[in-house]
Amino acid sequence: LTGYITEGQIILSRELYKSGIQPPIFVIPSLSRLKDKGIGKGKTRED
């Protein structure tokens, strides 16, 4: 239900955590639906 209401999700991975990776954020299923609105020239960088 949270996924329906919010604008994406950051997912922590048990596999990455067991590998000793900190923070164990798994980028493939993670998503920010508004990311395109906050990046680019004048906000972060053109590339």
ModelCIF file with pLDDT and N, C-alpha, C, O atoms, coordinates in Angstrom:
data_MODEL
#
_entry.id   MODEL 
#
_entity.id                         1 
_entity.type                       polymer 
_entity.pdbx_number_of_molecules   1 
#
_entity_poly.entity_id                      1 
_entity_poly.type                           'polypeptide(L)' 
_entity_poly.nstd_linkage                   no 
_entity_poly.nstd_monomer                   no 
_entity_poly.pdbx_seq_one_letter_code       LTGYITEGQIILSRELYKSGIQPPIFVIPSLSRLKDKGIGKGKTRED 
_entity_poly.pdbx_seq_one_letter_code_can   LTGYITEGQIILSRELYKSGIQPPIFVIPSLSRLKDKGIGKGKTRED 
_entity_poly.pdbx_strand_id                 A 
#
loop_
_entity_poly_seq.entity_id 
_entity_poly_seq.num 
_entity_poly_seq.mon_id 
_entity_poly_seq.hetero 
1 1  LEU n 
1 2  THR n 
1 3  GLY n 
1 4  TYR n 
1 5  ILE n 
1 6  THR n 
1 7  GLU n 
1 8  GLY n 
1 9  GLN n 
1 10 ILE n 
1 11 ILE n 
1 12 LEU n 
1 13 SER n 
1 14 ARG n 
1 15 GLU n 
1 16 LEU n 
1 17 TYR n 
1 18 LYS n 
1 19 SER n 
1 20 GLY n 
1 21 ILE n 
1 22 GLN n 
1 23 PRO n 
1 24 PRO n 
1 25 ILE n 
1 26 PHE n 
1 27 VAL n 
1 28 ILE n 
1 29 PRO n 
1 30 SER n 
1 31 LEU n 
1 32 SER n 
1 33 ARG n 
1 34 LEU n 
1 35 LYS n 
1 36 ASP n 
1 37 LYS n 
1 38 GLY n 
1 39 ILE n 
1 40 GLY n 
1 41 LYS n 
1 42 GLY n 
1 43 LYS n 
1 44 THR n 
1 45 ARG n 
1 46 GLU n 
1 47 ASP n 
#
_struct_asym.id          A 
_struct_asym.entity_id   1 
#
loop_
_ma_qa_metric.id 
_ma_qa_metric.mode 
_ma_qa_metric.name 
_ma_qa_metric.software_group_id 
_ma_qa_metric.type 
1 global pLDDT . pLDDT 
2 local  pLDDT . pLDDT 
#
_ma_qa_metric_global.metric_id      1 
_ma_qa_metric_global.metric_value   94.19 
_ma_qa_metric_global.model_id       1 
_ma_qa_metric_global.ordinal_id     1 
#
loop_
_ma_qa_metric_local.label_asym_id 
_ma_qa_metric_local.label_comp_id 
_ma_qa_metric_local.label_seq_id 
_ma_qa_metric_local.metric_id 
_ma_qa_metric_local.metric_value 
_ma_qa_metric_local.model_id 
_ma_qa_metric_local.ordinal_id 
A LEU 1  2 95.00 1 1  
A THR 2  2 96.00 1 2  
A GLY 3  2 93.00 1 3  
A TYR 4  2 93.00 1 4  
A ILE 5  2 94.00 1 5  
A THR 6  2 95.00 1 6  
A GLU 7  2 94.00 1 7  
A GLY 8  2 94.00 1 8  
A GLN 9  2 95.00 1 9  
A ILE 10 2 96.00 1 10 
A ILE 11 2 96.00 1 11 
A LEU 12 2 96.00 1 12 
A SER 13 2 95.00 1 13 
A ARG 14 2 95.00 1 14 
A GLU 15 2 94.00 1 15 
A LEU 16 2 95.00 1 16 
A TYR 17 2 96.00 1 17 
A LYS 18 2 96.00 1 18 
A SER 19 2 94.00 1 19 
A GLY 20 2 95.00 1 20 
A ILE 21 2 95.00 1 21 
A GLN 22 2 94.00 1 22 
A PRO 23 2 96.00 1 23 
A PRO 24 2 97.00 1 24 
A ILE 25 2 96.00 1 25 
A PHE 26 2 96.00 1 26 
A VAL 27 2 96.00 1 27 
A ILE 28 2 95.00 1 28 
A PRO 29 2 95.00 1 29 
A SER 30 2 96.00 1 30 
A LEU 31 2 94.00 1 31 
A SER 32 2 95.00 1 32 
A ARG 33 2 94.00 1 33 
A LEU 34 2 93.00 1 34 
A LYS 35 2 93.00 1 35 
A ASP 36 2 93.00 1 36 
A LYS 37 2 92.00 1 37 
A GLY 38 2 91.00 1 38 
A ILE 39 2 93.00 1 39 
A GLY 40 2 91.00 1 40 
A LYS 41 2 90.00 1 41 
A GLY 42 2 88.00 1 42 
A LYS 43 2 91.00 1 43 
A THR 44 2 93.00 1 44 
A ARG 45 2 93.00 1 45 
A GLU 46 2 95.00 1 46 
A ASP 47 2 95.00 1 47 
#
loop_
_atom_site.group_PDB 
_atom_site.id 
_atom_site.type_symbol 
_atom_site.label_atom_id 
_atom_site.label_alt_id 
_atom_site.label_comp_id 
_atom_site.label_asym_id 
_atom_site.label_entity_id 
_atom_site.label_seq_id 
_atom_site.pdbx_PDB_ins_code 
_atom_site.Cartn_x 
_atom_site.Cartn_y 
_atom_site.Cartn_z 
_atom_site.occupancy 
_atom_site.B_iso_or_equiv 
_atom_site.pdbx_formal_charge 
_atom_site.auth_seq_id 
_atom_site.auth_comp_id 
_atom_site.auth_asym_id 
_atom_site.auth_atom_id 
_atom_site.pdbx_PDB_model_num 
ATOM 1   N N  . LEU A 1 1  ? 0.832  -1.209  0.000   1.00 95.00 ? 1  LEU A N  1 
ATOM 2   C CA . LEU A 1 1  ? 0.000  0.000   0.000   1.00 95.00 ? 1  LEU A CA 1 
ATOM 3   C C  . LEU A 1 1  ? 0.865  1.257   0.000   1.00 95.00 ? 1  LEU A C  1 
ATOM 4   O O  . LEU A 1 1  ? 0.523  2.255   -0.635  1.00 95.00 ? 1  LEU A O  1 
ATOM 5   N N  . THR A 1 2  ? 1.994  1.200   0.722   1.00 96.00 ? 2  THR A N  1 
ATOM 6   C CA . THR A 1 2  ? 2.909  2.352   0.751   1.00 96.00 ? 2  THR A CA 1 
ATOM 7   C C  . THR A 1 2  ? 3.407  2.678   -0.650  1.00 96.00 ? 2  THR A C  1 
ATOM 8   O O  . THR A 1 2  ? 3.507  3.847   -1.023  1.00 96.00 ? 2  THR A O  1 
ATOM 9   N N  . GLY A 1 3  ? 3.722  1.638   -1.429  1.00 93.00 ? 3  GLY A N  1 
ATOM 10  C CA . GLY A 1 3  ? 4.210  1.842   -2.790  1.00 93.00 ? 3  GLY A CA 1 
ATOM 11  C C  . GLY A 1 3  ? 3.195  2.542   -3.678  1.00 93.00 ? 3  GLY A C  1 
ATOM 12  O O  . GLY A 1 3  ? 3.571  3.288   -4.582  1.00 93.00 ? 3  GLY A O  1 
ATOM 13  N N  . TYR A 1 4  ? 1.905  2.307   -3.428  1.00 93.00 ? 4  TYR A N  1 
ATOM 14  C CA . TYR A 1 4  ? 0.863  2.963   -4.216  1.00 93.00 ? 4  TYR A CA 1 
ATOM 15  C C  . TYR A 1 4  ? 0.757  4.460   -3.882  1.00 93.00 ? 4  TYR A C  1 
ATOM 16  O O  . TYR A 1 4  ? 0.458  5.277   -4.753  1.00 93.00 ? 4  TYR A O  1 
ATOM 17  N N  . ILE A 1 5  ? 1.007  4.806   -2.611  1.00 94.00 ? 5  ILE A N  1 
ATOM 18  C CA . ILE A 1 5  ? 0.759  6.176   -2.157  1.00 94.00 ? 5  ILE A CA 1 
ATOM 19  C C  . ILE A 1 5  ? 1.968  7.080   -2.397  1.00 94.00 ? 5  ILE A C  1 
ATOM 20  O O  . ILE A 1 5  ? 1.815  8.260   -2.712  1.00 94.00 ? 5  ILE A O  1 
ATOM 21  N N  . THR A 1 6  ? 3.165  6.519   -2.246  1.00 95.00 ? 6  THR A N  1 
ATOM 22  C CA . THR A 1 6  ? 4.381  7.340   -2.294  1.00 95.00 ? 6  THR A CA 1 
ATOM 23  C C  . THR A 1 6  ? 4.982  7.379   -3.694  1.00 95.00 ? 6  THR A C  1 
ATOM 24  O O  . THR A 1 6  ? 4.480  6.747   -4.624  1.00 95.00 ? 6  THR A O  1 
ATOM 25  N N  . GLU A 1 7  ? 6.074  8.138   -3.821  1.00 94.00 ? 7  GLU A N  1 
ATOM 26  C CA . GLU A 1 7  ? 6.693  8.342   -5.131  1.00 94.00 ? 7  GLU A CA 1 
ATOM 27  C C  . GLU A 1 7  ? 7.985  7.544   -5.265  1.00 94.00 ? 7  GLU A C  1 
ATOM 28  O O  . GLU A 1 7  ? 9.059  8.105   -5.482  1.00 94.00 ? 7  GLU A O  1 
ATOM 29  N N  . GLY A 1 8  ? 7.862  6.226   -5.131  1.00 94.00 ? 8  GLY A N  1 
ATOM 30  C CA . GLY A 1 8  ? 9.013  5.352   -5.293  1.00 94.00 ? 8  GLY A CA 1 
ATOM 31  C C  . GLY A 1 8  ? 9.371  4.617   -4.016  1.00 94.00 ? 8  GLY A C  1 
ATOM 32  O O  . GLY A 1 8  ? 8.579  4.578   -3.075  1.00 94.00 ? 8  GLY A O  1 
ATOM 33  N N  . GLN A 1 9  ? 10.556 4.037   -3.979  1.00 95.00 ? 9  GLN A N  1 
ATOM 34  C CA . GLN A 1 9  ? 11.049 3.345   -2.790  1.00 95.00 ? 9  GLN A CA 1 
ATOM 35  C C  . GLN A 1 9  ? 12.546 3.097   -2.914  1.00 95.00 ? 9  GLN A C  1 
ATOM 36  O O  . GLN A 1 9  ? 13.076 2.899   -4.008  1.00 95.00 ? 9  GLN A O  1 
ATOM 37  N N  . ILE A 1 10 ? 13.217 3.114   -1.758  1.00 96.00 ? 10 ILE A N  1 
ATOM 38  C CA . ILE A 1 10 ? 14.613 2.701   -1.658  1.00 96.00 ? 10 ILE A CA 1 
ATOM 39  C C  . ILE A 1 10 ? 14.600 1.349   -0.960  1.00 96.00 ? 10 ILE A C  1 
ATOM 40  O O  . ILE A 1 10 ? 14.020 1.214   0.117   1.00 96.00 ? 10 ILE A O  1 
ATOM 41  N N  . ILE A 1 11 ? 15.239 0.337   -1.569  1.00 96.00 ? 11 ILE A N  1 
ATOM 42  C CA . ILE A 1 11 ? 15.158 -1.024  -1.017  1.00 96.00 ? 11 ILE A CA 1 
ATOM 43  C C  . ILE A 1 11 ? 16.522 -1.469  -0.504  1.00 96.00 ? 11 ILE A C  1 
ATOM 44  O O  . ILE A 1 11 ? 17.524 -1.394  -1.215  1.00 96.00 ? 11 ILE A O  1 
ATOM 45  N N  . LEU A 1 12 ? 16.540 -1.937  0.750   1.00 96.00 ? 12 LEU A N  1 
ATOM 46  C CA . LEU A 1 12 ? 17.760 -2.503  1.329   1.00 96.00 ? 12 LEU A CA 1 
ATOM 47  C C  . LEU A 1 12 ? 17.796 -4.001  1.040   1.00 96.00 ? 12 LEU A C  1 
ATOM 48  O O  . LEU A 1 12 ? 16.785 -4.694  1.158   1.00 96.00 ? 12 LEU A O  1 
ATOM 49  N N  . SER A 1 13 ? 18.989 -4.493  0.654   1.00 95.00 ? 13 SER A N  1 
ATOM 50  C CA . SER A 1 13 ? 19.136 -5.881  0.220   1.00 95.00 ? 13 SER A CA 1 
ATOM 51  C C  . SER A 1 13 ? 19.841 -6.717  1.281   1.00 95.00 ? 13 SER A C  1 
ATOM 52  O O  . SER A 1 13 ? 20.892 -6.333  1.793   1.00 95.00 ? 13 SER A O  1 
ATOM 53  N N  . ARG A 1 14 ? 19.249 -7.865  1.605   1.00 95.00 ? 14 ARG A N  1 
ATOM 54  C CA . ARG A 1 14 ? 19.896 -8.772  2.558   1.00 95.00 ? 14 ARG A CA 1 
ATOM 55  C C  . ARG A 1 14 ? 21.150 -9.391  1.945   1.00 95.00 ? 14 ARG A C  1 
ATOM 56  O O  . ARG A 1 14 ? 22.132 -9.647  2.641   1.00 95.00 ? 14 ARG A O  1 
ATOM 57  N N  . GLU A 1 15 ? 21.103 -9.630  0.629   1.00 94.00 ? 15 GLU A N  1 
ATOM 58  C CA . GLU A 1 15 ? 22.262 -10.195 -0.075  1.00 94.00 ? 15 GLU A CA 1 
ATOM 59  C C  . GLU A 1 15 ? 23.473 -9.254  0.027   1.00 94.00 ? 15 GLU A C  1 
ATOM 60  O O  . GLU A 1 15 ? 24.579 -9.695  0.337   1.00 94.00 ? 15 GLU A O  1 
ATOM 61  N N  . LEU A 1 16 ? 23.258 -7.959  -0.235  1.00 95.00 ? 16 LEU A N  1 
ATOM 62  C CA . LEU A 1 16 ? 24.348 -6.984  -0.145  1.00 95.00 ? 16 LEU A CA 1 
ATOM 63  C C  . LEU A 1 16 ? 24.825 -6.834  1.301   1.00 95.00 ? 16 LEU A C  1 
ATOM 64  O O  . LEU A 1 16 ? 26.018 -6.679  1.560   1.00 95.00 ? 16 LEU A O  1 
ATOM 65  N N  . TYR A 1 17 ? 23.873 -6.884  2.238   1.00 96.00 ? 17 TYR A N  1 
ATOM 66  C CA . TYR A 1 17 ? 24.222 -6.764  3.656   1.00 96.00 ? 17 TYR A CA 1 
ATOM 67  C C  . TYR A 1 17 ? 25.132 -7.911  4.092   1.00 96.00 ? 17 TYR A C  1 
ATOM 68  O O  . TYR A 1 17 ? 26.110 -7.703  4.810   1.00 96.00 ? 17 TYR A O  1 
ATOM 69  N N  . LYS A 1 18 ? 24.796 -9.132  3.644   1.00 96.00 ? 18 LYS A N  1 
ATOM 70  C CA . LYS A 1 18 ? 25.625 -10.298 3.987   1.00 96.00 ? 18 LYS A CA 1 
ATOM 71  C C  . LYS A 1 18 ? 27.006 -10.212 3.346   1.00 96.00 ? 18 LYS A C  1 
ATOM 72  O O  . LYS A 1 18 ? 27.964 -10.808 3.840   1.00 96.00 ? 18 LYS A O  1 
ATOM 73  N N  . SER A 1 19 ? 27.106 -9.463  2.235   1.00 94.00 ? 19 SER A N  1 
ATOM 74  C CA . SER A 1 19 ? 28.399 -9.277  1.569   1.00 94.00 ? 19 SER A CA 1 
ATOM 75  C C  . SER A 1 19 ? 29.239 -8.197  2.234   1.00 94.00 ? 19 SER A C  1 
ATOM 76  O O  . SER A 1 19 ? 30.368 -7.939  1.815   1.00 94.00 ? 19 SER A O  1 
ATOM 77  N N  . GLY A 1 20 ? 28.693 -7.563  3.274   1.00 95.00 ? 20 GLY A N  1 
ATOM 78  C CA . GLY A 1 20 ? 29.449 -6.543  4.002   1.00 95.00 ? 20 GLY A CA 1 
ATOM 79  C C  . GLY A 1 20 ? 29.357 -5.160  3.393   1.00 95.00 ? 20 GLY A C  1 
ATOM 80  O O  . GLY A 1 20 ? 30.135 -4.278  3.759   1.00 95.00 ? 20 GLY A O  1 
ATOM 81  N N  . ILE A 1 21 ? 28.429 -4.945  2.476   1.00 95.00 ? 21 ILE A N  1 
ATOM 82  C CA . ILE A 1 21 ? 28.308 -3.644  1.814   1.00 95.00 ? 21 ILE A CA 1 
ATOM 83  C C  . ILE A 1 21 ? 27.452 -2.701  2.659   1.00 95.00 ? 21 ILE A C  1 
ATOM 84  O O  . ILE A 1 21 ? 26.362 -3.066  3.100   1.00 95.00 ? 21 ILE A O  1 
ATOM 85  N N  . GLN A 1 22 ? 27.959 -1.479  2.881   1.00 94.00 ? 22 GLN A N  1 
ATOM 86  C CA . GLN A 1 22 ? 27.282 -0.499  3.723   1.00 94.00 ? 22 GLN A CA 1 
ATOM 87  C C  . GLN A 1 22 ? 27.160 0.829   2.972   1.00 94.00 ? 22 GLN A C  1 
ATOM 88  O O  . GLN A 1 22 ? 28.170 1.336   2.484   1.00 94.00 ? 22 GLN A O  1 
ATOM 89  N N  . PRO A 1 23 ? 25.987 1.398   2.863   1.00 96.00 ? 23 PRO A N  1 
ATOM 90  C CA . PRO A 1 23 ? 24.666 0.831   3.166   1.00 96.00 ? 23 PRO A CA 1 
ATOM 91  C C  . PRO A 1 23 ? 24.235 -0.149  2.070   1.00 96.00 ? 23 PRO A C  1 
ATOM 92  O O  . PRO A 1 23 ? 24.561 0.067   0.903   1.00 96.00 ? 23 PRO A O  1 
ATOM 93  N N  . PRO A 1 24 ? 23.518 -1.205  2.410   1.00 97.00 ? 24 PRO A N  1 
ATOM 94  C CA . PRO A 1 24 ? 23.173 -2.237  1.414   1.00 97.00 ? 24 PRO A CA 1 
ATOM 95  C C  . PRO A 1 24 ? 21.968 -1.864  0.555   1.00 97.00 ? 24 PRO A C  1 
ATOM 96  O O  . PRO A 1 24 ? 20.967 -2.581  0.547   1.00 97.00 ? 24 PRO A O  1 
ATOM 97  N N  . ILE A 1 25 ? 22.056 -0.751  -0.164  1.00 96.00 ? 25 ILE A N  1 
ATOM 98  C CA . ILE A 1 25 ? 20.949 -0.281  -1.005  1.00 96.00 ? 25 ILE A CA 1 
ATOM 99  C C  . ILE A 1 25 ? 21.022 -0.962  -2.364  1.00 96.00 ? 25 ILE A C  1 
ATOM 100 O O  . ILE A 1 25 ? 22.027 -0.854  -3.067  1.00 96.00 ? 25 ILE A O  1 
ATOM 101 N N  . PHE A 1 26 ? 19.956 -1.661  -2.729  1.00 96.00 ? 26 PHE A N  1 
ATOM 102 C CA . PHE A 1 26 ? 19.899 -2.391  -3.999  1.00 96.00 ? 26 PHE A CA 1 
ATOM 103 C C  . PHE A 1 26 ? 19.233 -1.475  -5.019  1.00 96.00 ? 26 PHE A C  1 
ATOM 104 O O  . PHE A 1 26 ? 18.033 -1.216  -4.940  1.00 96.00 ? 26 PHE A O  1 
ATOM 105 N N  . VAL A 1 27 ? 20.016 -0.989  -5.977  1.00 96.00 ? 27 VAL A N  1 
ATOM 106 C CA . VAL A 1 27 ? 19.529 0.088   -6.841  1.00 96.00 ? 27 VAL A CA 1 
ATOM 107 C C  . VAL A 1 27 ? 18.555 -0.391  -7.917  1.00 96.00 ? 27 VAL A C  1 
ATOM 108 O O  . VAL A 1 27 ? 17.734 0.396   -8.388  1.00 96.00 ? 27 VAL A O  1 
ATOM 109 N N  . ILE A 1 28 ? 18.628 -1.661  -8.315  1.00 95.00 ? 28 ILE A N  1 
ATOM 110 C CA . ILE A 1 28 ? 17.795 -2.097  -9.454  1.00 95.00 ? 28 ILE A CA 1 
ATOM 111 C C  . ILE A 1 28 ? 16.296 -2.030  -9.145  1.00 95.00 ? 28 ILE A C  1 
ATOM 112 O O  . ILE A 1 28 ? 15.552 -1.480  -9.958  1.00 95.00 ? 28 ILE A O  1 
ATOM 113 N N  . PRO A 1 29 ? 15.810 -2.561  -8.011  1.00 95.00 ? 29 PRO A N  1 
ATOM 114 C CA . PRO A 1 29 ? 14.369 -2.412  -7.746  1.00 95.00 ? 29 PRO A CA 1 
ATOM 115 C C  . PRO A 1 29 ? 14.017 -1.076  -7.082  1.00 95.00 ? 29 PRO A C  1 
ATOM 116 O O  . PRO A 1 29 ? 12.839 -0.749  -6.944  1.00 95.00 ? 29 PRO A O  1 
ATOM 117 N N  . SER A 1 30 ? 15.035 -0.299  -6.667  1.00 96.00 ? 30 SER A N  1 
ATOM 118 C CA . SER A 1 30 ? 14.759 1.005   -6.054  1.00 96.00 ? 30 SER A CA 1 
ATOM 119 C C  . SER A 1 30 ? 14.330 1.991   -7.132  1.00 96.00 ? 30 SER A C  1 
ATOM 120 O O  . SER A 1 30 ? 14.682 1.844   -8.302  1.00 96.00 ? 30 SER A O  1 
ATOM 121 N N  . LEU A 1 31 ? 13.565 2.997   -6.722  1.00 94.00 ? 31 LEU A N  1 
ATOM 122 C CA . LEU A 1 31 ? 13.012 3.927   -7.698  1.00 94.00 ? 31 LEU A CA 1 
ATOM 123 C C  . LEU A 1 31 ? 12.619 5.231   -7.020  1.00 94.00 ? 31 LEU A C  1 
ATOM 124 O O  . LEU A 1 31 ? 12.014 5.233   -5.948  1.00 94.00 ? 31 LEU A O  1 
ATOM 125 N N  . SER A 1 32 ? 12.970 6.335   -7.659  1.00 95.00 ? 32 SER A N  1 
ATOM 126 C CA . SER A 1 32 ? 12.446 7.641   -7.259  1.00 95.00 ? 32 SER A CA 1 
ATOM 127 C C  . SER A 1 32 ? 11.694 8.197   -8.466  1.00 95.00 ? 32 SER A C  1 
ATOM 128 O O  . SER A 1 32 ? 12.306 8.557   -9.471  1.00 95.00 ? 32 SER A O  1 
ATOM 129 N N  . ARG A 1 33 ? 10.366 8.266   -8.364  1.00 94.00 ? 33 ARG A N  1 
ATOM 130 C CA . ARG A 1 33 ? 9.568  8.661   -9.536  1.00 94.00 ? 33 ARG A CA 1 
ATOM 131 C C  . ARG A 1 33 ? 9.752  10.130  -9.907  1.00 94.00 ? 33 ARG A C  1 
ATOM 132 O O  . ARG A 1 33 ? 9.408  10.539  -11.016 1.00 94.00 ? 33 ARG A O  1 
ATOM 133 N N  . LEU A 1 34 ? 10.292 10.924  -8.987  1.00 93.00 ? 34 LEU A N  1 
ATOM 134 C CA . LEU A 1 34 ? 10.458 12.353  -9.263  1.00 93.00 ? 34 LEU A CA 1 
ATOM 135 C C  . LEU A 1 34 ? 11.912 12.728  -9.541  1.00 93.00 ? 34 LEU A C  1 
ATOM 136 O O  . LEU A 1 34 ? 12.240 13.911  -9.632  1.00 93.00 ? 34 LEU A O  1 
ATOM 137 N N  . LYS A 1 35 ? 12.789 11.722  -9.675  1.00 93.00 ? 35 LYS A N  1 
ATOM 138 C CA . LYS A 1 35 ? 14.217 12.024  -9.799  1.00 93.00 ? 35 LYS A CA 1 
ATOM 139 C C  . LYS A 1 35 ? 14.522 12.926  -10.993 1.00 93.00 ? 35 LYS A C  1 
ATOM 140 O O  . LYS A 1 35 ? 15.400 13.784  -10.909 1.00 93.00 ? 35 LYS A O  1 
ATOM 141 N N  . ASP A 1 36 ? 13.805 12.741  -12.104 1.00 93.00 ? 36 ASP A N  1 
ATOM 142 C CA . ASP A 1 36 ? 14.080 13.545  -13.300 1.00 93.00 ? 36 ASP A CA 1 
ATOM 143 C C  . ASP A 1 36 ? 13.772 15.021  -13.084 1.00 93.00 ? 36 ASP A C  1 
ATOM 144 O O  . ASP A 1 36 ? 14.290 15.875  -13.804 1.00 93.00 ? 36 ASP A O  1 
ATOM 145 N N  . LYS A 1 37 ? 12.921 15.334  -12.083 1.00 92.00 ? 37 LYS A N  1 
ATOM 146 C CA . LYS A 1 37 ? 12.538 16.728  -11.839 1.00 92.00 ? 37 LYS A CA 1 
ATOM 147 C C  . LYS A 1 37 ? 13.581 17.476  -11.026 1.00 92.00 ? 37 LYS A C  1 
ATOM 148 O O  . LYS A 1 37 ? 13.591 18.707  -11.007 1.00 92.00 ? 37 LYS A O  1 
ATOM 149 N N  . GLY A 1 38 ? 14.466 16.735  -10.350 1.00 91.00 ? 38 GLY A N  1 
ATOM 150 C CA . GLY A 1 38 ? 15.407 17.407  -9.449  1.00 91.00 ? 38 GLY A CA 1 
ATOM 151 C C  . GLY A 1 38 ? 16.850 17.367  -9.906  1.00 91.00 ? 38 GLY A C  1 
ATOM 152 O O  . GLY A 1 38 ? 17.746 17.731  -9.145  1.00 91.00 ? 38 GLY A O  1 
ATOM 153 N N  . ILE A 1 39 ? 17.099 16.926  -11.146 1.00 93.00 ? 39 ILE A N  1 
ATOM 154 C CA . ILE A 1 39 ? 18.482 16.808  -11.602 1.00 93.00 ? 39 ILE A CA 1 
ATOM 155 C C  . ILE A 1 39 ? 18.681 17.592  -12.900 1.00 93.00 ? 39 ILE A C  1 
ATOM 156 O O  . ILE A 1 39 ? 17.725 18.068  -13.512 1.00 93.00 ? 39 ILE A O  1 
ATOM 157 N N  . GLY A 1 40 ? 19.939 17.712  -13.301 1.00 91.00 ? 40 GLY A N  1 
ATOM 158 C CA . GLY A 1 40 ? 20.256 18.395  -14.553 1.00 91.00 ? 40 GLY A CA 1 
ATOM 159 C C  . GLY A 1 40 ? 20.963 19.714  -14.323 1.00 91.00 ? 40 GLY A C  1 
ATOM 160 O O  . GLY A 1 40 ? 21.294 20.059  -13.188 1.00 91.00 ? 40 GLY A O  1 
ATOM 161 N N  . LYS A 1 41 ? 21.189 20.432  -15.365 1.00 90.00 ? 41 LYS A N  1 
ATOM 162 C CA . LYS A 1 41 ? 21.909 21.703  -15.313 1.00 90.00 ? 41 LYS A CA 1 
ATOM 163 C C  . LYS A 1 41 ? 21.185 22.693  -14.405 1.00 90.00 ? 41 LYS A C  1 
ATOM 164 O O  . LYS A 1 41 ? 19.969 22.863  -14.493 1.00 90.00 ? 41 LYS A O  1 
ATOM 165 N N  . GLY A 1 42 ? 21.954 23.343  -13.532 1.00 88.00 ? 42 GLY A N  1 
ATOM 166 C CA . GLY A 1 42 ? 21.373 24.300  -12.603 1.00 88.00 ? 42 GLY A CA 1 
ATOM 167 C C  . GLY A 1 42 ? 20.854 23.683  -11.330 1.00 88.00 ? 42 GLY A C  1 
ATOM 168 O O  . GLY A 1 42 ? 20.567 24.392  -10.364 1.00 88.00 ? 42 GLY A O  1 
ATOM 169 N N  . LYS A 1 43 ? 20.728 22.353  -11.315 1.00 91.00 ? 43 LYS A N  1 
ATOM 170 C CA . LYS A 1 43 ? 20.254 21.662  -10.110 1.00 91.00 ? 43 LYS A CA 1 
ATOM 171 C C  . LYS A 1 43 ? 21.344 20.731  -9.571  1.00 91.00 ? 43 LYS A C  1 
ATOM 172 O O  . LYS A 1 43 ? 21.749 20.840  -8.413  1.00 91.00 ? 43 LYS A O  1 
ATOM 173 N N  . THR A 1 44 ? 21.812 19.819  -10.422 1.00 93.00 ? 44 THR A N  1 
ATOM 174 C CA . THR A 1 44 ? 22.959 18.985  -10.040 1.00 93.00 ? 44 THR A CA 1 
ATOM 175 C C  . THR A 1 44 ? 24.072 19.222  -11.061 1.00 93.00 ? 44 THR A C  1 
ATOM 176 O O  . THR A 1 44 ? 24.975 20.025  -10.823 1.00 93.00 ? 44 THR A O  1 
ATOM 177 N N  . ARG A 1 45 ? 24.007 18.517  -12.204 1.00 93.00 ? 45 ARG A N  1 
ATOM 178 C CA . ARG A 1 45 ? 24.972 18.755  -13.286 1.00 93.00 ? 45 ARG A CA 1 
ATOM 179 C C  . ARG A 1 45 ? 24.374 18.244  -14.586 1.00 93.00 ? 45 ARG A C  1 
ATOM 180 O O  . ARG A 1 45 ? 23.526 17.352  -14.574 1.00 93.00 ? 45 ARG A O  1 
ATOM 181 N N  . GLU A 1 46 ? 24.806 18.799  -15.691 1.00 95.00 ? 46 GLU A N  1 
ATOM 182 C CA . GLU A 1 46 ? 24.191 18.510  -16.988 1.00 95.00 ? 46 GLU A CA 1 
ATOM 183 C C  . GLU A 1 46 ? 24.228 17.032  -17.374 1.00 95.00 ? 46 GLU A C  1 
ATOM 184 O O  . GLU A 1 46 ? 23.337 16.542  -18.068 1.00 95.00 ? 46 GLU A O  1 
ATOM 185 N N  . ASP A 1 47 ? 25.272 16.325  -16.918 1.00 95.00 ? 47 ASP A N  1 
ATOM 186 C CA . ASP A 1 47 ? 25.456 14.932  -17.325 1.00 95.00 ? 47 ASP A CA 1 
ATOM 187 C C  . ASP A 1 47 ? 24.727 13.940  -16.418 1.00 95.00 ? 47 ASP A C  1 
ATOM 188 O O  . ASP A 1 47 ? 24.796 12.732  -16.644 1.00 95.00 ? 47 ASP A O  1 
#
